[in-house]
PDB file of N, CA and C in Angstrom:
ATOM      1  N   TRP A   1      41.135  -9.913   4.352  1.00  0.00           N
ATOM      2  CA  TRP A   1      41.984  -9.018   5.091  1.00  0.00           C
ATOM      3  C   TRP A   1      41.231  -8.467   6.270  1.00  0.00           C
ATOM      4  N   LEU A   2      41.951  -7.922   7.221  1.00  0.00           N
ATOM      5  CA  LEU A   2      41.371  -7.455   8.473  1.00  0.00           C
ATOM      6  C   LEU A   2      40.822  -6.051   8.296  1.00  0.00           C
ATOM      7  N   ALA A   3      39.548  -5.870   8.600  1.00  0.00           N
ATOM      8  CA  ALA A   3      38.928  -4.549   8.521  1.00  0.00           C
ATOM      9  C   ALA A   3      38.623  -4.067   9.933  1.00  0.00           C
ATOM     10  N   LEU A   4      39.102  -2.879  10.259  1.00  0.00           N
ATOM     11  CA  LEU A   4      38.876  -2.299  11.578  1.00  0.00           C
ATOM     12  C   LEU A   4      37.998  -1.064  11.454  1.00  0.00           C
ATOM     13  N   SER A   5      37.190  -0.828  12.476  1.00  0.00           N
ATOM     14  CA  SER A   5      36.431   0.420  12.505  1.00  0.00           C
ATOM     15  C   SER A   5      37.419   1.571  12.716  1.00  0.00           C
ATOM     16  N   THR A   6      36.992   2.777  12.425  1.00  0.00           N
ATOM     17  CA  THR A   6      37.858   3.940  12.613  1.00  0.00           C
ATOM     18  C   THR A   6      38.286   4.068  14.062  1.00  0.00           C
ATOM     19  N   GLY A   7      37.347   3.878  14.978  1.00  0.00           N
ATOM     20  CA  GLY A   7      37.682   3.977  16.399  1.00  0.00           C
ATOM     21  C   GLY A   7      38.714   2.955  16.823  1.00  0.00           C
ATOM     22  N   THR A   8      38.550   1.719  16.384  1.00  0.00           N
ATOM     23  CA  THR A   8      39.498   0.658  16.723  1.00  0.00           C
ATOM     24  C   THR A   8      40.865   0.939  16.107  1.00  0.00           C
ATOM     25  N   ALA A   9      40.888   1.368  14.866  1.00  0.00           N
ATOM     26  CA  ALA A   9      42.155   1.701  14.202  1.00  0.00           C
ATOM     27  C   ALA A   9      42.865   2.836  14.938  1.00  0.00           C
ATOM     28  N   GLU A  10      42.124   3.845  15.373  1.00  0.00           N
ATOM     29  CA  GLU A  10      42.721   4.966  16.103  1.00  0.00           C
ATOM     30  C   GLU A  10      43.254   4.522  17.460  1.00  0.00           C
ATOM     31  N   GLN A  11      42.561   3.587  18.105  1.00  0.00           N
ATOM     32  CA  GLN A  11      43.047   3.056  19.388  1.00  0.00           C
ATOM     33  C   GLN A  11      44.354   2.302  19.189  1.00  0.00           C
ATOM     34  N   LEU A  12      44.406   1.500  18.155  1.00  0.00           N
ATOM     35  CA  LEU A  12      45.625   0.761  17.840  1.00  0.00           C
ATOM     36  C   LEU A  12      46.764   1.720  17.517  1.00  0.00           C
ATOM     37  N   TYR A  13      46.478   2.738  16.744  1.00  0.00           N
ATOM     38  CA  TYR A  13      47.489   3.722  16.372  1.00  0.00           C
ATOM     39  C   TYR A  13      48.015   4.444  17.615  1.00  0.00           C
ATOM     40  N   LEU A  14      47.124   4.816  18.538  1.00  0.00           N
ATOM     41  CA  LEU A  14      47.556   5.470  19.765  1.00  0.00           C
ATOM     42  C   LEU A  14      48.440   4.536  20.588  1.00  0.00           C
ATOM     43  N   ALA A  15      48.049   3.281  20.701  1.00  0.00           N
ATOM     44  CA  ALA A  15      48.845   2.311  21.463  1.00  0.00           C
ATOM     45  C   ALA A  15      50.247   2.158  20.863  1.00  0.00           C
ATOM     46  N   VAL A  16      50.324   2.098  19.554  1.00  0.00           N
ATOM     47  CA  VAL A  16      51.632   1.968  18.889  1.00  0.00           C
ATOM     48  C   VAL A  16      52.469   3.221  19.114  1.00  0.00           C
ATOM     49  N   ARG A  17      51.856   4.389  18.978  1.00  0.00           N
ATOM     50  CA  ARG A  17      52.609   5.639  19.198  1.00  0.00           C
ATOM     51  C   ARG A  17      53.161   5.717  20.614  1.00  0.00           C
ATOM     52  N   LEU A  18      52.321   5.369  21.599  1.00  0.00           N
ATOM     53  CA  LEU A  18      52.776   5.420  22.988  1.00  0.00           C
ATOM     54  C   LEU A  18      53.880   4.400  23.250  1.00  0.00           C
ATOM     55  N   ALA A  19      53.765   3.230  22.645  1.00  0.00           N
ATOM     56  CA  ALA A  19      54.808   2.214  22.804  1.00  0.00           C
ATOM     57  C   ALA A  19      56.124   2.678  22.183  1.00  0.00           C
ATOM     58  N   VAL A  20      56.061   3.255  20.999  1.00  0.00           N
ATOM     59  CA  VAL A  20      57.273   3.757  20.342  1.00  0.00           C
ATOM     60  C   VAL A  20      57.910   4.852  21.192  1.00  0.00           C
ATOM     61  N   CYS A  21      57.098   5.749  21.729  1.00  0.00           N
ATOM     62  CA  CYS A  21      57.627   6.813  22.597  1.00  0.00           C
ATOM     63  C   CYS A  21      58.313   6.225  23.820  1.00  0.00           C
ATOM     64  N   ALA A  22      57.682   5.240  24.441  1.00  0.00           N
ATOM     65  CA  ALA A  22      58.245   4.623  25.646  1.00  0.00           C
ATOM     66  C   ALA A  22      59.565   3.913  25.346  1.00  0.00           C
ATOM     67  N   LEU A  23      59.683   3.326  24.177  1.00  0.00           N
ATOM     68  CA  LEU A  23      60.882   2.567  23.831  1.00  0.00           C
ATOM     69  C   LEU A  23      62.023   3.430  23.303  1.00  0.00           C
ATOM     70  N   THR A  24      61.699   4.571  22.708  1.00  0.00           N
ATOM     71  CA  THR A  24      62.739   5.360  22.051  1.00  0.00           C
ATOM     72  C   THR A  24      63.239   6.530  22.894  1.00  0.00           C
ATOM     73  N   VAL A  25      62.348   7.352  23.382  1.00  0.00           N
ATOM     74  CA  VAL A  25      62.738   8.521  24.183  1.00  0.00           C
ATOM     75  C   VAL A  25      61.798   8.650  25.380  1.00  0.00           C
ATOM     76  N   PRO A  26      61.981   7.807  26.385  1.00  0.00           N
ATOM     77  CA  PRO A  26      61.048   7.764  27.501  1.00  0.00           C
ATOM     78  C   PRO A  26      60.988   9.048  28.323  1.00  0.00           C
ATOM     79  N   GLU A  27      61.991   9.902  28.226  1.00  0.00           N
ATOM     80  CA  GLU A  27      61.979  11.140  29.005  1.00  0.00           C
ATOM     81  C   GLU A  27      61.320  12.308  28.267  1.00  0.00           C
ATOM     82  N   ALA A  28      61.049  12.149  26.992  1.00  0.00           N
ATOM     83  CA  ALA A  28      60.480  13.232  26.195  1.00  0.00           C
ATOM     84  C   ALA A  28      58.969  13.344  26.417  1.00  0.00           C
ATOM     85  N   PRO A  29      58.452  14.567  26.325  1.00  0.00           N
ATOM     86  CA  PRO A  29      56.995  14.733  26.417  1.00  0.00           C
ATOM     87  C   PRO A  29      56.295  14.046  25.241  1.00  0.00           C
ATOM     88  N   VAL A  30      55.055  13.671  25.465  1.00  0.00           N
ATOM     89  CA  VAL A  30      54.228  13.091  24.400  1.00  0.00           C
ATOM     90  C   VAL A  30      53.225  14.158  23.979  1.00  0.00           C
ATOM     91  N   VAL A  31      53.179  14.446  22.682  1.00  0.00           N
ATOM     92  CA  VAL A  31      52.244  15.427  22.147  1.00  0.00           C
ATOM     93  C   VAL A  31      51.215  14.688  21.301  1.00  0.00           C
ATOM     94  N   LEU A  32      49.945  14.850  21.671  1.00  0.00           N
ATOM     95  CA  LEU A  32      48.845  14.181  20.975  1.00  0.00           C
ATOM     96  C   LEU A  32      47.858  15.241  20.484  1.00  0.00           C
ATOM     97  N   ASP A  33      47.519  15.188  19.220  1.00  0.00           N
ATOM     98  CA  ASP A  33      46.588  16.154  18.632  1.00  0.00           C
ATOM     99  C   ASP A  33      45.338  15.418  18.168  1.00  0.00           C
ATOM    100  N   ASP A  34      44.239  15.638  18.870  1.00  0.00           N
ATOM    101  CA  ASP A  34      42.949  14.994  18.576  1.00  0.00           C
ATOM    102  C   ASP A  34      43.069  13.480  18.461  1.00  0.00           C
ATOM    103  N   ALA A  35      43.914  12.905  19.301  1.00  0.00           N
ATOM    104  CA  ALA A  35      44.171  11.464  19.260  1.00  0.00           C
ATOM    105  C   ALA A  35      42.968  10.635  19.699  1.00  0.00           C
ATOM    106  N   LEU A  36      42.012  11.250  20.392  1.00  0.00           N
ATOM    107  CA  LEU A  36      40.864  10.506  20.909  1.00  0.00           C
ATOM    108  C   LEU A  36      39.569  10.845  20.180  1.00  0.00           C
ATOM    109  N   ALA A  37      39.666  11.564  19.097  1.00  0.00           N
ATOM    110  CA  ALA A  37      38.475  12.065  18.394  1.00  0.00           C
ATOM    111  C   ALA A  37      37.540  10.948  17.931  1.00  0.00           C
ATOM    112  N   ALA A  38      38.082   9.811  17.532  1.00  0.00           N
ATOM    113  CA  ALA A  38      37.243   8.722  17.012  1.00  0.00           C
ATOM    114  C   ALA A  38      36.820   7.734  18.101  1.00  0.00           C
ATOM    115  N   PHE A  39      37.239   7.989  19.358  1.00  0.00           N
ATOM    116  CA  PHE A  39      36.896   7.098  20.457  1.00  0.00           C
ATOM    117  C   PHE A  39      35.474   7.386  20.930  1.00  0.00           C
ATOM    118  N   ASP A  40      34.735   6.351  21.297  1.00  0.00           N
ATOM    119  CA  ASP A  40      33.441   6.599  21.932  1.00  0.00           C
ATOM    120  C   ASP A  40      33.716   7.101  23.354  1.00  0.00           C
ATOM    121  N   ASP A  41      32.675   7.574  24.038  1.00  0.00           N
ATOM    122  CA  ASP A  41      32.867   8.210  25.342  1.00  0.00           C
ATOM    123  C   ASP A  41      33.517   7.286  26.369  1.00  0.00           C
ATOM    124  N   GLU A  42      33.107   6.025  26.386  1.00  0.00           N
ATOM    125  CA  GLU A  42      33.667   5.085  27.365  1.00  0.00           C
ATOM    126  C   GLU A  42      35.147   4.828  27.104  1.00  0.00           C
ATOM    127  N   ARG A  43      35.499   4.598  25.851  1.00  0.00           N
ATOM    128  CA  ARG A  43      36.904   4.353  25.519  1.00  0.00           C
ATOM    129  C   ARG A  43      37.745   5.609  25.687  1.00  0.00           C
ATOM    130  N   CYS A  44      37.133   6.747  25.430  1.00  0.00           N
ATOM    131  CA  CYS A  44      37.841   8.016  25.643  1.00  0.00           C
ATOM    132  C   CYS A  44      38.197   8.169  27.122  1.00  0.00           C
ATOM    133  N   ALA A  45      37.253   7.906  28.002  1.00  0.00           N
ATOM    134  CA  ALA A  45      37.506   8.010  29.441  1.00  0.00           C
ATOM    135  C   ALA A  45      38.592   7.029  29.875  1.00  0.00           C
ATOM    136  N   LEU A  46      38.559   5.819  29.350  1.00  0.00           N
ATOM    137  CA  LEU A  46      39.596   4.834  29.682  1.00  0.00           C
ATOM    138  C   LEU A  46      40.971   5.295  29.190  1.00  0.00           C
ATOM    139  N   ALA A  47      41.011   5.829  27.989  1.00  0.00           N
ATOM    140  CA  ALA A  47      42.277   6.327  27.441  1.00  0.00           C
ATOM    141  C   ALA A  47      42.792   7.504  28.263  1.00  0.00           C
ATOM    142  N   LEU A  48      41.895   8.388  28.681  1.00  0.00           N
ATOM    143  CA  LEU A  48      42.302   9.528  29.504  1.00  0.00           C
ATOM    144  C   LEU A  48      42.817   9.068  30.859  1.00  0.00           C
ATOM    145  N   ASP A  49      42.198   8.059  31.433  1.00  0.00           N
ATOM    146  CA  ASP A  49      42.710   7.477  32.681  1.00  0.00           C
ATOM    147  C   ASP A  49      44.131   6.944  32.475  1.00  0.00           C
ATOM    148  N   PHE A  50      44.335   6.249  31.372  1.00  0.00           N
ATOM    149  CA  PHE A  50      45.665   5.717  31.069  1.00  0.00           C
ATOM    150  C   PHE A  50      46.674   6.851  30.897  1.00  0.00           C
ATOM    151  N   LEU A  51      46.292   7.889  30.161  1.00  0.00           N
ATOM    152  CA  LEU A  51      47.206   9.019  29.946  1.00  0.00           C
ATOM    153  C   LEU A  51      47.508   9.729  31.262  1.00  0.00           C
ATOM    154  N   LYS A  52      46.513   9.838  32.125  1.00  0.00           N
ATOM    155  CA  LYS A  52      46.739  10.463  33.432  1.00  0.00           C
ATOM    156  C   LYS A  52      47.773   9.661  34.213  1.00  0.00           C
ATOM    157  N   ASN A  53      47.661   8.349  34.212  1.00  0.00           N
ATOM    158  CA  ASN A  53      48.638   7.509  34.903  1.00  0.00           C
ATOM    159  C   ASN A  53      50.016   7.614  34.260  1.00  0.00           C
ATOM    160  N   THR A  54      50.048   7.669  32.942  1.00  0.00           N
ATOM    161  CA  THR A  54      51.310   7.813  32.218  1.00  0.00           C
ATOM    162  C   THR A  54      51.972   9.147  32.543  1.00  0.00           C
ATOM    163  N   ALA A  55      51.175  10.157  32.804  1.00  0.00           N
ATOM    164  CA  ALA A  55      51.689  11.500  33.089  1.00  0.00           C
ATOM    165  C   ALA A  55      52.433  11.571  34.421  1.00  0.00           C
ATOM    166  N   ARG A  56      52.379  10.530  35.215  1.00  0.00           N
ATOM    167  CA  ARG A  56      53.184  10.490  36.438  1.00  0.00           C
ATOM    168  C   ARG A  56      54.665  10.392  36.111  1.00  0.00           C
ATOM    169  N   ASP A  57      54.971   9.806  34.947  1.00  0.00           N
ATOM    170  CA  ASP A  57      56.362   9.568  34.555  1.00  0.00           C
ATOM    171  C   ASP A  57      56.850  10.468  33.430  1.00  0.00           C
ATOM    172  N   ARG A  58      55.931  11.068  32.698  1.00  0.00           N
ATOM    173  CA  ARG A  58      56.333  11.935  31.590  1.00  0.00           C
ATOM    174  C   ARG A  58      55.216  12.914  31.296  1.00  0.00           C
ATOM    175  N   GLN A  59      55.557  14.028  30.718  1.00  0.00           N
ATOM    176  CA  GLN A  59      54.572  15.055  30.397  1.00  0.00           C
ATOM    177  C   GLN A  59      53.743  14.618  29.192  1.00  0.00           C
ATOM    178  N   ILE A  60      52.426  14.826  29.298  1.00  0.00           N
ATOM    179  CA  ILE A  60      51.509  14.531  28.206  1.00  0.00           C
ATOM    180  C   ILE A  60      50.822  15.831  27.812  1.00  0.00           C
ATOM    181  N   LEU A  61      50.907  16.202  26.551  1.00  0.00           N
ATOM    182  CA  LEU A  61      50.195  17.362  26.024  1.00  0.00           C
ATOM    183  C   LEU A  61      49.133  16.841  25.066  1.00  0.00           C
ATOM    184  N   LEU A  62      47.880  17.049  25.421  1.00  0.00           N
ATOM    185  CA  LEU A  62      46.770  16.567  24.603  1.00  0.00           C
ATOM    186  C   LEU A  62      46.023  17.763  24.045  1.00  0.00           C
ATOM    187  N   PHE A  63      46.063  17.916  22.749  1.00  0.00           N
ATOM    188  CA  PHE A  63      45.326  18.979  22.073  1.00  0.00           C
ATOM    189  C   PHE A  63      44.031  18.394  21.524  1.00  0.00           C
ATOM    190  N   SER A  64      42.947  19.132  21.687  1.00  0.00           N
ATOM    191  CA  SER A  64      41.668  18.652  21.183  1.00  0.00           C
ATOM    192  C   SER A  64      40.745  19.835  20.903  1.00  0.00           C
ATOM    193  N   CYS A  65      39.926  19.674  19.896  1.00  0.00           N
ATOM    194  CA  CYS A  65      38.908  20.682  19.612  1.00  0.00           C
ATOM    195  C   CYS A  65      37.558  20.254  20.190  1.00  0.00           C
ATOM    196  N   HIS A  66      37.552  19.158  20.933  1.00  0.00           N
ATOM    197  CA  HIS A  66      36.327  18.631  21.528  1.00  0.00           C
ATOM    198  C   HIS A  66      36.279  18.967  23.013  1.00  0.00           C
ATOM    199  N   GLY A  67      35.092  19.196  23.530  1.00  0.00           N
ATOM    200  CA  GLY A  67      34.931  19.592  24.917  1.00  0.00           C
ATOM    201  C   GLY A  67      34.994  18.456  25.921  1.00  0.00           C
ATOM    202  N   ARG A  68      34.760  17.237  25.496  1.00  0.00           N
ATOM    203  CA  ARG A  68      34.677  16.151  26.483  1.00  0.00           C
ATOM    204  C   ARG A  68      36.009  15.902  27.172  1.00  0.00           C
ATOM    205  N   GLU A  69      37.118  16.049  26.457  1.00  0.00           N
ATOM    206  CA  GLU A  69      38.421  15.865  27.071  1.00  0.00           C
ATOM    207  C   GLU A  69      38.663  16.936  28.126  1.00  0.00           C
ATOM    208  N   ALA A  70      38.293  18.158  27.828  1.00  0.00           N
ATOM    209  CA  ALA A  70      38.454  19.256  28.797  1.00  0.00           C
ATOM    210  C   ALA A  70      37.560  19.041  30.009  1.00  0.00           C
ATOM    211  N   ARG A  71      36.337  18.612  29.798  1.00  0.00           N
ATOM    212  CA  ARG A  71      35.440  18.332  30.930  1.00  0.00           C
ATOM    213  C   ARG A  71      36.025  17.241  31.813  1.00  0.00           C
ATOM    214  N   TRP A  72      36.508  16.172  31.192  1.00  0.00           N
ATOM    215  CA  TRP A  72      37.113  15.073  31.951  1.00  0.00           C
ATOM    216  C   TRP A  72      38.303  15.586  32.751  1.00  0.00           C
ATOM    217  N   ALA A  73      39.147  16.377  32.120  1.00  0.00           N
ATOM    218  CA  ALA A  73      40.345  16.898  32.794  1.00  0.00           C
ATOM    219  C   ALA A  73      39.966  17.761  33.997  1.00  0.00           C
ATOM    220  N   ARG A  74      39.009  18.648  33.824  1.00  0.00           N
ATOM    221  CA  ARG A  74      38.586  19.492  34.948  1.00  0.00           C
ATOM    222  C   ARG A  74      38.038  18.643  36.092  1.00  0.00           C
ATOM    223  N   GLU A  75      37.277  17.613  35.764  1.00  0.00           N
ATOM    224  CA  GLU A  75      36.706  16.723  36.784  1.00  0.00           C
ATOM    225  C   GLU A  75      37.791  15.948  37.538  1.00  0.00           C
ATOM    226  N   HIS A  76      38.967  15.825  36.938  1.00  0.00           N
ATOM    227  CA  HIS A  76      40.069  15.070  37.539  1.00  0.00           C
ATOM    228  C   HIS A  76      41.216  15.984  37.959  1.00  0.00           C
ATOM    229  N   ASP A  77      40.925  17.278  38.135  1.00  0.00           N
ATOM    230  CA  ASP A  77      41.909  18.264  38.610  1.00  0.00           C
ATOM    231  C   ASP A  77      43.155  18.329  37.743  1.00  0.00           C
ATOM    232  N   ILE A  78      42.950  18.293  36.450  1.00  0.00           N
ATOM    233  CA  ILE A  78      44.052  18.415  35.494  1.00  0.00           C
ATOM    234  C   ILE A  78      43.918  19.761  34.798  1.00  0.00           C
ATOM    235  N   SER A  79      45.031  20.444  34.633  1.00  0.00           N
ATOM    236  CA  SER A  79      45.014  21.769  34.012  1.00  0.00           C
ATOM    237  C   SER A  79      44.509  21.712  32.580  1.00  0.00           C
ATOM    238  N   VAL A  80      43.684  22.695  32.248  1.00  0.00           N
ATOM    239  CA  VAL A  80      43.165  22.842  30.897  1.00  0.00           C
ATOM    240  C   VAL A  80      43.479  24.262  30.452  1.00  0.00           C
ATOM    241  N   ILE A  81      44.046  24.391  29.281  1.00  0.00           N
ATOM    242  CA  ILE A  81      44.344  25.698  28.710  1.00  0.00           C
ATOM    243  C   ILE A  81      43.576  25.822  27.407  1.00  0.00           C
ATOM    244  N   TYR A  82      42.822  26.903  27.276  1.00  0.00           N
ATOM    245  CA  TYR A  82      42.046  27.128  26.046  1.00  0.00           C
ATOM    246  C   TYR A  82      42.820  28.111  25.173  1.00  0.00           C
ATOM    247  N   LEU A  83      42.951  27.768  23.904  1.00  0.00           N
ATOM    248  CA  LEU A  83      43.649  28.645  22.951  1.00  0.00           C
ATOM    249  C   LEU A  83      42.658  29.262  22.003  1.00  0.00           C
TER     250      LEU A  83
END
């Protein structure tokens, strides 16, 4: 059987979630909670680039308890709200 690393499985899961959102309710916001936690730094940056591009067409809300996503967002002039 196919064994995936946690990071790879999380990437696949994110891709499926985004595809389902695009196919079912393309106008609805996407809410992601720690969706990039298992990604290494390079894949996290690539995923954030993708989400930034996706945000041109729909609202993306990314919740995270990690600082790297917030640092990336600030570096790319994206609003960050701390709770």
